PDB file of N, CA and C in Angstrom:
ATOM      1  N   MET A   1      88.670  78.838 147.301  1.00  0.00           N
ATOM      2  CA  MET A   1      89.191  79.722 146.728  1.00  0.00           C
ATOM      3  C   MET A   1      89.272  79.151 145.114  1.00  0.00           C
ATOM      4  N   VAL A   2      89.606  77.948 144.908  1.00  0.00           N
ATOM      5  CA  VAL A   2      89.884  77.400 143.580  1.00  0.00           C
ATOM      6  C   VAL A   2      88.678  77.393 142.984  1.00  0.00           C
ATOM      7  N   ARG A   3      87.425  77.038 143.844  1.00  0.00           N
ATOM      8  CA  ARG A   3      86.186  76.431 143.301  1.00  0.00           C
ATOM      9  C   ARG A   3      85.505  78.061 142.962  1.00  0.00           C
ATOM     10  N   LEU A   4      85.817  79.162 143.925  1.00  0.00           N
ATOM     11  CA  LEU A   4      85.062  80.144 143.432  1.00  0.00           C
ATOM     12  C   LEU A   4      85.792  80.676 142.013  1.00  0.00           C
ATOM     13  N   ALA A   5      87.185  80.380 141.830  1.00  0.00           N
ATOM     14  CA  ALA A   5      87.724  80.909 140.492  1.00  0.00           C
ATOM     15  C   ALA A   5      87.222  79.923 139.279  1.00  0.00           C
ATOM     16  N   SER A   6      87.121  78.665 139.585  1.00  0.00           N
ATOM     17  CA  SER A   6      86.372  77.768 138.542  1.00  0.00           C
ATOM     18  C   SER A   6      84.895  78.395 138.327  1.00  0.00           C
ATOM     19  N   LEU A   7      83.997  78.652 139.300  1.00  0.00           N
ATOM     20  CA  LEU A   7      82.667  79.209 139.062  1.00  0.00           C
ATOM     21  C   LEU A   7      82.899  80.592 138.058  1.00  0.00           C
ATOM     22  N   ALA A   8      83.782  81.313 138.501  1.00  0.00           N
ATOM     23  CA  ALA A   8      83.869  82.603 137.822  1.00  0.00           C
ATOM     24  C   ALA A   8      84.237  82.399 136.244  1.00  0.00           C
ATOM     25  N   LEU A   9      85.241  81.404 136.106  1.00  0.00           N
ATOM     26  CA  LEU A   9      85.575  81.171 134.824  1.00  0.00           C
ATOM     27  C   LEU A   9      84.402  80.697 134.039  1.00  0.00           C
ATOM     28  N   ALA A  10      83.698  79.437 134.456  1.00  0.00           N
ATOM     29  CA  ALA A  10      82.622  78.933 134.031  1.00  0.00           C
ATOM     30  C   ALA A  10      81.413  79.924 133.592  1.00  0.00           C
ATOM     31  N   ALA A  11      81.357  81.091 134.419  1.00  0.00           N
ATOM     32  CA  ALA A  11      80.191  82.036 134.215  1.00  0.00           C
ATOM     33  C   ALA A  11      80.774  83.184 133.094  1.00  0.00           C
ATOM     34  N   GLY A  12      82.078  83.082 132.946  1.00  0.00           N
ATOM     35  CA  GLY A  12      82.650  83.895 131.792  1.00  0.00           C
ATOM     36  C   GLY A  12      83.372  85.290 132.305  1.00  0.00           C
ATOM     37  N   LEU A  13      83.066  85.254 133.770  1.00  0.00           N
ATOM     38  CA  LEU A  13      83.619  86.413 134.446  1.00  0.00           C
ATOM     39  C   LEU A  13      85.067  86.195 134.458  1.00  0.00           C
ATOM     40  N   GLY A  14      85.886  87.637 134.104  1.00  0.00           N
ATOM     41  CA  GLY A  14      87.213  87.580 134.170  1.00  0.00           C
ATOM     42  C   GLY A  14      87.861  87.275 133.080  1.00  0.00           C
ATOM     43  N   CYS A  15      86.973  86.910 131.868  1.00  0.00           N
ATOM     44  CA  CYS A  15      87.598  86.463 130.637  1.00  0.00           C
ATOM     45  C   CYS A  15      87.249  87.373 129.595  1.00  0.00           C
ATOM     46  N   ASP A  16      88.332  87.783 128.766  1.00  0.00           N
ATOM     47  CA  ASP A  16      88.024  88.709 127.611  1.00  0.00           C
ATOM     48  C   ASP A  16      87.402  88.089 126.638  1.00  0.00           C
ATOM     49  N   ALA A  17      86.351  88.366 126.293  1.00  0.00           N
ATOM     50  CA  ALA A  17      85.549  87.702 125.196  1.00  0.00           C
ATOM     51  C   ALA A  17      85.770  87.863 123.740  1.00  0.00           C
ATOM     52  N   ALA A  18      86.339  89.061 123.672  1.00  0.00           N
ATOM     53  CA  ALA A  18      86.737  89.462 122.126  1.00  0.00           C
ATOM     54  C   ALA A  18      87.624  88.565 121.494  1.00  0.00           C
ATOM     55  N   PRO A  19      87.116  88.071 120.617  1.00  0.00           N
ATOM     56  CA  PRO A  19      87.724  87.300 119.599  1.00  0.00           C
ATOM     57  C   PRO A  19      89.145  87.628 119.016  1.00  0.00           C
ATOM     58  N   GLY A  20      89.917  86.540 118.599  1.00  0.00           N
ATOM     59  CA  GLY A  20      91.213  86.944 118.171  1.00  0.00           C
ATOM     60  C   GLY A  20      90.921  86.723 116.416  1.00  0.00           C
ATOM     61  N   PRO A  21      92.111  87.132 115.884  1.00  0.00           N
ATOM     62  CA  PRO A  21      92.139  87.130 114.370  1.00  0.00           C
ATOM     63  C   PRO A  21      91.829  85.655 113.946  1.00  0.00           C
ATOM     64  N   THR A  22      91.366  85.205 112.779  1.00  0.00           N
ATOM     65  CA  THR A  22      91.126  84.100 112.160  1.00  0.00           C
ATOM     66  C   THR A  22      91.877  84.052 110.699  1.00  0.00           C
ATOM     67  N   VAL A  23      92.490  83.063 110.251  1.00  0.00           N
ATOM     68  CA  VAL A  23      92.914  83.125 108.954  1.00  0.00           C
ATOM     69  C   VAL A  23      92.251  81.772 108.419  1.00  0.00           C
ATOM     70  N   ASP A  24      91.537  82.069 107.215  1.00  0.00           N
ATOM     71  CA  ASP A  24      90.954  81.188 106.495  1.00  0.00           C
ATOM     72  C   ASP A  24      91.827  80.517 105.225  1.00  0.00           C
ATOM     73  N   ALA A  25      92.606  81.397 104.778  1.00  0.00           N
ATOM     74  CA  ALA A  25      93.336  80.857 103.668  1.00  0.00           C
ATOM     75  C   ALA A  25      94.555  81.862 103.454  1.00  0.00           C
ATOM     76  N   VAL A  26      95.368  81.145 102.796  1.00  0.00           N
ATOM     77  CA  VAL A  26      96.705  81.908 102.437  1.00  0.00           C
ATOM     78  C   VAL A  26      96.843  81.644 100.650  1.00  0.00           C
ATOM     79  N   ALA A  27      96.971  82.710  99.782  1.00  0.00           N
ATOM     80  CA  ALA A  27      97.396  82.406  98.669  1.00  0.00           C
ATOM     81  C   ALA A  27      98.496  82.954  98.150  1.00  0.00           C
ATOM     82  N   PRO A  28      99.380  82.489  97.313  1.00  0.00           N
ATOM     83  CA  PRO A  28      99.237  81.030  97.116  1.00  0.00           C
ATOM     84  C   PRO A  28      99.880  80.357  98.429  1.00  0.00           C
ATOM     85  N   VAL A  29      99.476  79.035  98.456  1.00  0.00           N
ATOM     86  CA  VAL A  29     100.028  78.196  99.471  1.00  0.00           C
ATOM     87  C   VAL A  29     101.748  78.041  99.728  1.00  0.00           C
ATOM     88  N   ALA A  30     102.273  78.212  98.676  1.00  0.00           N
ATOM     89  CA  ALA A  30     103.691  78.287  98.311  1.00  0.00           C
ATOM     90  C   ALA A  30     104.019  79.502  97.684  1.00  0.00           C
ATOM     91  N   ALA A  31     105.044  80.011  98.096  1.00  0.00           N
ATOM     92  CA  ALA A  31     105.984  81.270  97.092  1.00  0.00           C
ATOM     93  C   ALA A  31     107.204  81.452  97.752  1.00  0.00           C
ATOM     94  N   ALA A  32     108.154  82.001  96.625  1.00  0.00           N
ATOM     95  CA  ALA A  32     109.287  82.310  97.017  1.00  0.00           C
ATOM     96  C   ALA A  32     109.688  83.394  97.902  1.00  0.00           C
ATOM     97  N   ARG A  33     110.546  83.659  98.604  1.00  0.00           N
ATOM     98  CA  ARG A  33     111.040  84.765  99.103  1.00  0.00           C
ATOM     99  C   ARG A  33     110.936  86.199  98.455  1.00  0.00           C
ATOM    100  N   GLY A  34     110.551  87.159  98.993  1.00  0.00           N
ATOM    101  CA  GLY A  34     110.247  88.368  97.965  1.00  0.00           C
ATOM    102  C   GLY A  34     108.778  88.367  97.162  1.00  0.00           C
ATOM    103  N   ALA A  35     108.023  87.430  97.227  1.00  0.00           N
ATOM    104  CA  ALA A  35     106.857  87.303  96.547  1.00  0.00           C
ATOM    105  C   ALA A  35     105.562  87.728  97.549  1.00  0.00           C
ATOM    106  N   ASP A  36     104.671  88.190  97.026  1.00  0.00           N
ATOM    107  CA  ASP A  36     103.551  88.740  97.682  1.00  0.00           C
ATOM    108  C   ASP A  36     102.667  87.348  98.048  1.00  0.00           C
ATOM    109  N   VAL A  37     101.957  87.543  99.220  1.00  0.00           N
ATOM    110  CA  VAL A  37     100.925  86.306  99.470  1.00  0.00           C
ATOM    111  C   VAL A  37      99.718  87.219 100.000  1.00  0.00           C
ATOM    112  N   VAL A  38      98.649  86.538  99.862  1.00  0.00           N
ATOM    113  CA  VAL A  38      97.342  87.084 100.512  1.00  0.00           C
ATOM    114  C   VAL A  38      96.778  86.367 101.378  1.00  0.00           C
ATOM    115  N   LEU A  39      96.464  86.829 102.781  1.00  0.00           N
ATOM    116  CA  LEU A  39      95.944  86.210 103.775  1.00  0.00           C
ATOM    117  C   LEU A  39      94.484  86.528 103.797  1.00  0.00           C
ATOM    118  N   THR A  40      93.571  85.809 103.866  1.00  0.00           N
ATOM    119  CA  THR A  40      92.365  86.209 104.151  1.00  0.00           C
ATOM    120  C   THR A  40      91.391  85.444 105.294  1.00  0.00           C
ATOM    121  N   GLY A  41      90.610  86.254 106.035  1.00  0.00           N
ATOM    122  CA  GLY A  41      90.039  85.527 107.285  1.00  0.00           C
ATOM    123  C   GLY A  41      89.168  86.776 107.894  1.00  0.00           C
ATOM    124  N   ALA A  42      89.242  86.830 109.120  1.00  0.00           N
ATOM    125  CA  ALA A  42      88.483  87.648 109.936  1.00  0.00           C
ATOM    126  C   ALA A  42      89.380  88.281 111.315  1.00  0.00           C
ATOM    127  N   GLY A  43      88.738  89.278 111.818  1.00  0.00           N
ATOM    128  CA  GLY A  43      89.171  89.875 112.903  1.00  0.00           C
ATOM    129  C   GLY A  43      90.547  90.361 112.907  1.00  0.00           C
ATOM    130  N   PHE A  44      91.068  90.962 111.595  1.00  0.00           N
ATOM    131  CA  PHE A  44      92.335  91.541 111.226  1.00  0.00           C
ATOM    132  C   PHE A  44      92.304  92.946 111.913  1.00  0.00           C
ATOM    133  N   CYS A  45      91.284  93.619 112.251  1.00  0.00           N
ATOM    134  CA  CYS A  45      91.380  95.054 112.605  1.00  0.00           C
ATOM    135  C   CYS A  45      91.369  95.083 114.233  1.00  0.00           C
ATOM    136  N   GLY A  46      90.849  94.103 114.902  1.00  0.00           N
ATOM    137  CA  GLY A  46      90.907  93.999 116.342  1.00  0.00           C
ATOM    138  C   GLY A  46      89.309  94.033 116.630  1.00  0.00           C
ATOM    139  N   ALA A  47      88.986  93.945 117.871  1.00  0.00           N
ATOM    140  CA  ALA A  47      87.519  93.906 118.480  1.00  0.00           C
ATOM    141  C   ALA A  47      87.037  95.252 118.246  1.00  0.00           C
ATOM    142  N   GLY A  48      85.980  95.309 117.434  1.00  0.00           N
ATOM    143  CA  GLY A  48      84.952  96.558 117.232  1.00  0.00           C
ATOM    144  C   GLY A  48      85.723  97.787 116.536  1.00  0.00           C
ATOM    145  N   ALA A  49      86.871  97.231 115.618  1.00  0.00           N
ATOM    146  CA  ALA A  49      87.519  98.373 114.884  1.00  0.00           C
ATOM    147  C   ALA A  49      87.169  98.475 113.440  1.00  0.00           C
ATOM    148  N   VAL A  50      85.795  97.754 113.189  1.00  0.00           N
ATOM    149  CA  VAL A  50      85.858  97.758 111.355  1.00  0.00           C
ATOM    150  C   VAL A  50      84.656  98.783 111.353  1.00  0.00           C
ATOM    151  N   THR A  51      84.759  99.686 110.222  1.00  0.00           N
ATOM    152  CA  THR A  51      84.037 100.514 109.513  1.00  0.00           C
ATOM    153  C   THR A  51      82.835  99.570 108.704  1.00  0.00           C
ATOM    154  N   ALA A  52      81.616 100.514 108.688  1.00  0.00           N
ATOM    155  CA  ALA A  52      80.456  99.395 107.756  1.00  0.00           C
ATOM    156  C   ALA A  52      80.943  99.009 106.540  1.00  0.00           C
ATOM    157  N   ALA A  53      81.916  99.942 105.899  1.00  0.00           N
ATOM    158  CA  ALA A  53      82.610  99.511 104.867  1.00  0.00           C
ATOM    159  C   ALA A  53      83.498  97.971 104.827  1.00  0.00           C
ATOM    160  N   GLY A  54      83.728  97.767 105.880  1.00  0.00           N
ATOM    161  CA  GLY A  54      84.734  96.638 106.168  1.00  0.00           C
ATOM    162  C   GLY A  54      86.298  96.971 105.996  1.00  0.00           C
ATOM    163  N   THR A  55      86.476  98.117 106.399  1.00  0.00           N
ATOM    164  CA  THR A  55      87.898  98.654 106.515  1.00  0.00           C
ATOM    165  C   THR A  55      88.236  98.900 108.160  1.00  0.00           C
ATOM    166  N   CYS A  56      89.447  98.982 108.436  1.00  0.00           N
ATOM    167  CA  CYS A  56      89.862  99.052 109.737  1.00  0.00           C
ATOM    168  C   CYS A  56      89.782 100.497 110.190  1.00  0.00           C
ATOM    169  N   VAL A  57      89.147 100.805 111.334  1.00  0.00           N
ATOM    170  CA  VAL A  57      88.962 102.261 111.953  1.00  0.00           C
ATOM    171  C   VAL A  57      90.417 102.925 111.839  1.00  0.00           C
ATOM    172  N   ASP A  58      91.329 102.312 112.562  1.00  0.00           N
ATOM    173  CA  ASP A  58      92.777 102.631 112.690  1.00  0.00           C
ATOM    174  C   ASP A  58      93.506 101.294 112.634  1.00  0.00           C
ATOM    175  N   LEU A  59      94.584 101.262 111.956  1.00  0.00           N
ATOM    176  CA  LEU A  59      95.662 100.199 111.566  1.00  0.00           C
ATOM    177  C   LEU A  59      95.973  99.673 113.200  1.00  0.00           C
ATOM    178  N   PRO A  60      95.643  98.520 113.318  1.00  0.00           N
ATOM    179  CA  PRO A  60      95.795  97.739 114.751  1.00  0.00           C
ATOM    180  C   PRO A  60      97.280  97.408 114.751  1.00  0.00           C
ATOM    181  N   SER A  61      97.496  97.119 116.043  1.00  0.00           N
ATOM    182  CA  SER A  61      98.785  96.803 116.477  1.00  0.00           C
ATOM    183  C   SER A  61      98.983  95.243 116.207  1.00  0.00           C
ATOM    184  N   GLY A  62      99.372  95.142 114.920  1.00  0.00           N
ATOM    185  CA  GLY A  62      99.394  93.729 114.525  1.00  0.00           C
ATOM    186  C   GLY A  62     100.519  93.266 113.663  1.00  0.00           C
ATOM    187  N   ALA A  63     100.749  92.174 113.393  1.00  0.00           N
ATOM    188  CA  ALA A  63     101.726  91.358 112.430  1.00  0.00           C
ATOM    189  C   ALA A  63     101.282  90.301 111.962  1.00  0.00           C
ATOM    190  N   VAL A  64     102.258  89.896 111.025  1.00  0.00           N
ATOM    191  CA  VAL A  64     102.232  88.723 110.171  1.00  0.00           C
ATOM    192  C   VAL A  64     103.593  88.055 110.302  1.00  0.00           C
ATOM    193  N   ASP A  65     103.749  86.809 110.888  1.00  0.00           N
ATOM    194  CA  ASP A  65     104.889  86.023 111.068  1.00  0.00           C
ATOM    195  C   ASP A  65     104.915  84.553 110.197  1.00  0.00           C
ATOM    196  N   VAL A  66     106.049  84.394 109.942  1.00  0.00           N
ATOM    197  CA  VAL A  66     106.286  83.332 109.242  1.00  0.00           C
ATOM    198  C   VAL A  66     107.168  82.265 109.942  1.00  0.00           C
ATOM    199  N   GLY A  67     106.781  81.182 110.240  1.00  0.00           N
ATOM    200  CA  GLY A  67     107.364  80.015 110.923  1.00  0.00           C
ATOM    201  C   GLY A  67     106.781  79.886 112.268  1.00  0.00           C
ATOM    202  N   LEU A  68     106.960  78.604 112.714  1.00  0.00           N
ATOM    203  CA  LEU A  68     106.458  78.086 114.060  1.00  0.00           C
ATOM    204  C   LEU A  68     107.388  77.907 115.053  1.00  0.00           C
ATOM    205  N   ARG A  69     108.992  77.806 114.504  1.00  0.00           N
ATOM    206  CA  ARG A  69     110.076  77.540 115.271  1.00  0.00           C
ATOM    207  C   ARG A  69     111.066  78.217 114.673  1.00  0.00           C
ATOM    208  N   ALA A  70     112.220  78.537 115.307  1.00  0.00           N
ATOM    209  CA  ALA A  70     113.173  79.491 114.955  1.00  0.00           C
ATOM    210  C   ALA A  70     113.656  79.304 113.563  1.00  0.00           C
ATOM    211  N   PRO A  71     113.969  80.086 112.783  1.00  0.00           N
ATOM    212  CA  PRO A  71     113.715  81.205 112.902  1.00  0.00           C
ATOM    213  C   PRO A  71     112.294  81.688 112.455  1.00  0.00           C
ATOM    214  N   ILE A  72     111.629  82.462 113.410  1.00  0.00           N
ATOM    215  CA  ILE A  72     110.261  83.117 113.156  1.00  0.00           C
ATOM    216  C   ILE A  72     110.564  84.495 112.658  1.00  0.00           C
ATOM    217  N   VAL A  73     110.247  84.976 111.425  1.00  0.00           N
ATOM    218  CA  VAL A  73     110.364  86.095 110.837  1.00  0.00           C
ATOM    219  C   VAL A  73     109.263  86.812 110.623  1.00  0.00           C
ATOM    220  N   ARG A  74     109.231  88.361 110.810  1.00  0.00           N
ATOM    221  CA  ARG A  74     108.087  89.122 110.395  1.00  0.00           C
ATOM    222  C   ARG A  74     108.184  89.366 109.142  1.00  0.00           C
ATOM    223  N   ALA A  75     106.821  89.315 108.373  1.00  0.00           N
ATOM    224  CA  ALA A  75     106.555  89.557 106.983  1.00  0.00           C
ATOM    225  C   ALA A  75     106.375  91.156 106.741  1.00  0.00           C
ATOM    226  N   PRO A  76     106.893  91.580 105.817  1.00  0.00           N
ATOM    227  CA  PRO A  76     106.591  93.195 105.652  1.00  0.00           C
ATOM    228  C   PRO A  76     105.189  93.116 104.881  1.00  0.00           C
ATOM    229  N   VAL A  77     104.388  93.937 105.624  1.00  0.00           N
ATOM    230  CA  VAL A  77     103.154  94.163 105.327  1.00  0.00           C
ATOM    231  C   VAL A  77     102.780  95.229 104.177  1.00  0.00           C
ATOM    232  N   ARG A  78     102.253  94.687 103.119  1.00  0.00           N
ATOM    233  CA  ARG A  78     102.018  95.704 101.862  1.00  0.00           C
ATOM    234  C   ARG A  78     100.580  96.496 102.002  1.00  0.00           C
ATOM    235  N   SER A  79      99.652  95.731 102.322  1.00  0.00           N
ATOM    236  CA  SER A  79      98.254  96.185 102.794  1.00  0.00           C
ATOM    237  C   SER A  79      97.529  95.537 104.005  1.00  0.00           C
ATOM    238  N   TRP A  80      96.843  96.081 104.774  1.00  0.00           N
ATOM    239  CA  TRP A  80      96.059  95.499 106.042  1.00  0.00           C
ATOM    240  C   TRP A  80      94.755  95.975 105.754  1.00  0.00           C
ATOM    241  N   GLY A  81      93.784  94.835 105.799  1.00  0.00           N
ATOM    242  CA  GLY A  81      92.355  95.477 105.829  1.00  0.00           C
ATOM    243  C   GLY A  81      91.523  94.494 106.564  1.00  0.00           C
ATOM    244  N   ALA A  82      89.878  94.651 106.935  1.00  0.00           N
ATOM    245  CA  ALA A  82      89.649  93.861 107.960  1.00  0.00           C
ATOM    246  C   ALA A  82      89.786  92.375 107.599  1.00  0.00           C
ATOM    247  N   GLY A  83      89.354  91.932 106.459  1.00  0.00           N
ATOM    248  CA  GLY A  83      89.599  90.640 105.908  1.00  0.00           C
ATOM    249  C   GLY A  83      90.731  89.876 105.287  1.00  0.00           C
ATOM    250  N   THR A  84      91.312  91.066 104.869  1.00  0.00           N
ATOM    251  CA  THR A  84      92.600  90.550 103.710  1.00  0.00           C
ATOM    252  C   THR A  84      94.158  91.281 104.191  1.00  0.00           C
ATOM    253  N   ILE A  85      94.772  90.620 104.175  1.00  0.00           N
ATOM    254  CA  ILE A  85      96.412  91.146 104.563  1.00  0.00           C
ATOM    255  C   ILE A  85      97.283  90.579 103.313  1.00  0.00           C
ATOM    256  N   VAL A  86      98.142  91.698 102.686  1.00  0.00           N
ATOM    257  CA  VAL A  86      98.955  91.376 101.653  1.00  0.00           C
ATOM    258  C   VAL A  86     100.133  91.498 102.380  1.00  0.00           C
ATOM    259  N   VAL A  87     101.176  90.521 102.363  1.00  0.00           N
ATOM    260  CA  VAL A  87     102.454  90.668 102.827  1.00  0.00           C
ATOM    261  C   VAL A  87     103.536  90.234 101.798  1.00  0.00           C
ATOM    262  N   THR A  88     104.731  90.287 101.918  1.00  0.00           N
ATOM    263  CA  THR A  88     105.670  90.008 101.205  1.00  0.00           C
ATOM    264  C   THR A  88     106.651  88.855 101.930  1.00  0.00           C
ATOM    265  N   VAL A  89     106.679  87.557 101.495  1.00  0.00           N
ATOM    266  CA  VAL A  89     107.407  86.542 102.156  1.00  0.00           C
ATOM    267  C   VAL A  89     109.011  87.103 102.503  1.00  0.00           C
ATOM    268  N   PRO A  90     109.285  87.122 103.880  1.00  0.00           N
ATOM    269  CA  PRO A  90     110.699  87.683 104.184  1.00  0.00           C
ATOM    270  C   PRO A  90     111.759  86.936 103.468  1.00  0.00           C
ATOM    271  N   THR A  91     113.059  87.854 103.090  1.00  0.00           N
ATOM    272  CA  THR A  91     114.286  87.128 102.694  1.00  0.00           C
ATOM    273  C   THR A  91     114.831  86.145 103.532  1.00  0.00           C
ATOM    274  N   GLN A  92     114.540  86.344 104.970  1.00  0.00           N
ATOM    275  CA  GLN A  92     115.117  85.738 106.259  1.00  0.00           C
ATOM    276  C   GLN A  92     114.406  84.275 106.219  1.00  0.00           C
ATOM    277  N   ALA A  93     113.090  84.248 105.704  1.00  0.00           N
ATOM    278  CA  ALA A  93     112.175  83.218 105.933  1.00  0.00           C
ATOM    279  C   ALA A  93     113.088  81.680 105.637  1.00  0.00           C
ATOM    280  N   ALA A  94     112.857  80.637 106.311  1.00  0.00           N
ATOM    281  CA  ALA A  94     113.609  79.451 106.513  1.00  0.00           C
ATOM    282  C   ALA A  94     112.793  78.646 105.055  1.00  0.00           C
ATOM    283  N   LEU A  95     113.583  78.007 104.168  1.00  0.00           N
ATOM    284  CA  LEU A  95     113.022  77.384 103.105  1.00  0.00           C
ATOM    285  C   LEU A  95     112.375  76.194 103.413  1.00  0.00           C
ATOM    286  N   GLY A  96     111.116  75.804 102.901  1.00  0.00           N
ATOM    287  CA  GLY A  96     110.459  74.648 103.183  1.00  0.00           C
ATOM    288  C   GLY A  96     109.203  74.764 103.733  1.00  0.00           C
ATOM    289  N   ALA A  97     108.681  73.837 104.140  1.00  0.00           N
ATOM    290  CA  ALA A  97     107.046  73.787 104.962  1.00  0.00           C
ATOM    291  C   ALA A  97     107.319  74.359 106.077  1.00  0.00           C
ATOM    292  N   THR A  98     106.155  75.375 106.354  1.00  0.00           N
ATOM    293  CA  THR A  98     106.185  76.034 107.697  1.00  0.00           C
ATOM    294  C   THR A  98     104.629  76.356 107.833  1.00  0.00           C
ATOM    295  N   ALA A  99     104.601  77.505 108.584  1.00  0.00           N
ATOM    296  CA  ALA A  99     103.467  78.038 108.625  1.00  0.00           C
ATOM    297  C   ALA A  99     103.305  79.773 108.730  1.00  0.00           C
ATOM    298  N   ILE A 100     102.068  80.164 108.523  1.00  0.00           N
ATOM    299  CA  ILE A 100     101.858  81.759 108.791  1.00  0.00           C
ATOM    300  C   ILE A 100     100.809  82.035 109.626  1.00  0.00           C
ATOM    301  N   TYR A 101     100.853  83.007 110.279  1.00  0.00           N
ATOM    302  CA  TYR A 101     100.047  83.481 111.124  1.00  0.00           C
ATOM    303  C   TYR A 101      99.753  84.959 111.630  1.00  0.00           C
ATOM    304  N   VAL A 102      98.637  85.559 112.113  1.00  0.00           N
ATOM    305  CA  VAL A 102      98.749  86.942 112.359  1.00  0.00           C
ATOM    306  C   VAL A 102      98.163  87.102 113.706  1.00  0.00           C
ATOM    307  N   THR A 103      98.830  88.172 114.121  1.00  0.00           N
ATOM    308  CA  THR A 103      98.892  88.561 115.686  1.00  0.00           C
ATOM    309  C   THR A 103      98.073  89.943 115.497  1.00  0.00           C
ATOM    310  N   VAL A 104      97.102  90.219 116.361  1.00  0.00           N
ATOM    311  CA  VAL A 104      96.340  91.578 116.380  1.00  0.00           C
ATOM    312  C   VAL A 104      96.201  91.935 117.964  1.00  0.00           C
ATOM    313  N   ASP A 105      96.673  92.964 118.444  1.00  0.00           N
ATOM    314  CA  ASP A 105      96.472  93.304 119.775  1.00  0.00           C
ATOM    315  C   ASP A 105      96.932  92.248 120.695  1.00  0.00           C
ATOM    316  N   GLY A 106      97.758  91.713 120.464  1.00  0.00           N
ATOM    317  CA  GLY A 106      98.368  90.510 121.369  1.00  0.00           C
ATOM    318  C   GLY A 106      97.751  89.240 121.259  1.00  0.00           C
ATOM    319  N   ARG A 107      96.849  89.033 120.343  1.00  0.00           N
ATOM    320  CA  ARG A 107      95.942  87.713 120.057  1.00  0.00           C
ATOM    321  C   ARG A 107      96.438  87.078 118.729  1.00  0.00           C
ATOM    322  N   SER A 108      97.087  85.945 118.933  1.00  0.00           N
ATOM    323  CA  SER A 108      97.341  85.210 117.479  1.00  0.00           C
ATOM    324  C   SER A 108      96.400  84.338 116.884  1.00  0.00           C
ATOM    325  N   SER A 109      96.440  84.315 115.707  1.00  0.00           N
ATOM    326  CA  SER A 109      95.453  83.629 115.098  1.00  0.00           C
ATOM    327  C   SER A 109      95.767  81.998 115.012  1.00  0.00           C
ATOM    328  N   ASN A 110      94.929  81.134 114.067  1.00  0.00           N
ATOM    329  CA  ASN A 110      95.478  79.928 113.791  1.00  0.00           C
ATOM    330  C   ASN A 110      96.633  79.963 112.874  1.00  0.00           C
ATOM    331  N   ALA A 111      97.784  78.997 113.064  1.00  0.00           N
ATOM    332  CA  ALA A 111      98.571  79.017 111.951  1.00  0.00           C
ATOM    333  C   ALA A 111      98.171  78.121 110.694  1.00  0.00           C
ATOM    334  N   VAL A 112      98.523  78.785 109.445  1.00  0.00           N
ATOM    335  CA  VAL A 112      98.123  78.042 108.365  1.00  0.00           C
ATOM    336  C   VAL A 112      99.362  77.595 107.651  1.00  0.00           C
ATOM    337  N   ASP A 113      99.089  76.272 106.932  1.00  0.00           N
ATOM    338  CA  ASP A 113     100.330  75.847 106.354  1.00  0.00           C
ATOM    339  C   ASP A 113     100.911  76.536 105.121  1.00  0.00           C
ATOM    340  N   PHE A 114     102.079  76.795 104.980  1.00  0.00           N
ATOM    341  CA  PHE A 114     102.675  77.582 104.055  1.00  0.00           C
ATOM    342  C   PHE A 114     103.958  77.077 103.481  1.00  0.00           C
ATOM    343  N   GLU A 115     104.619  77.091 102.270  1.00  0.00           N
ATOM    344  CA  GLU A 115     105.817  76.728 102.064  1.00  0.00           C
ATOM    345  C   GLU A 115     106.615  77.821 101.470  1.00  0.00           C
ATOM    346  N   VAL A 116     107.869  78.050 101.896  1.00  0.00           N
ATOM    347  CA  VAL A 116     108.653  78.936 101.393  1.00  0.00           C
ATOM    348  C   VAL A 116     109.622  78.031 100.169  1.00  0.00           C
ATOM    349  N   LEU A 117     109.508  78.584  99.055  1.00  0.00           N
ATOM    350  CA  LEU A 117     110.232  78.219  97.867  1.00  0.00           C
ATOM    351  C   LEU A 117     111.644  79.018  97.737  1.00  0.00           C
ATOM    352  N   PRO A 118     112.591  77.935  97.344  1.00  0.00           N
ATOM    353  CA  PRO A 118     113.737  78.714  96.859  1.00  0.00           C
ATOM    354  C   PRO A 118     113.863  79.686  95.785  1.00  0.00           C
TER     355      PRO A 118
END
C-alpha cells in the first residue's frame, strides 16, 4: 500500500498542482504601524483567476498576515491585484523584525522579512 501511494505521488497523482502565491518583495521593508506597504509577486488571484489585463476575475479568499509567531495579525487590505497588494501595517503588529506573507485560497506564500517600526 505504501509503495502504491509513493508511486502515485511520484507520478503526480493525487496532488493539486496549482501553485500558491509568491511574494517577491515588500516595499518599504520597514514601516510604522498605520503605514501602507506594497507587496509584489505572483499568484495573488488564485489559480486561473487572472484576466488578460492582469487583474483578478473575482477577489480571492485571501489575506496578508504580519508575524511568524504570536501575535500574528491580519493586515487591512487597501487594494488587491494579480501581482500587487497594498496593505496597512496593523496597529496590533509587534514591533521589530518579523515577516509578512500572503495566503490565497488556503495556500500560503513564502515569508518575506519585514520590520515594524515604532
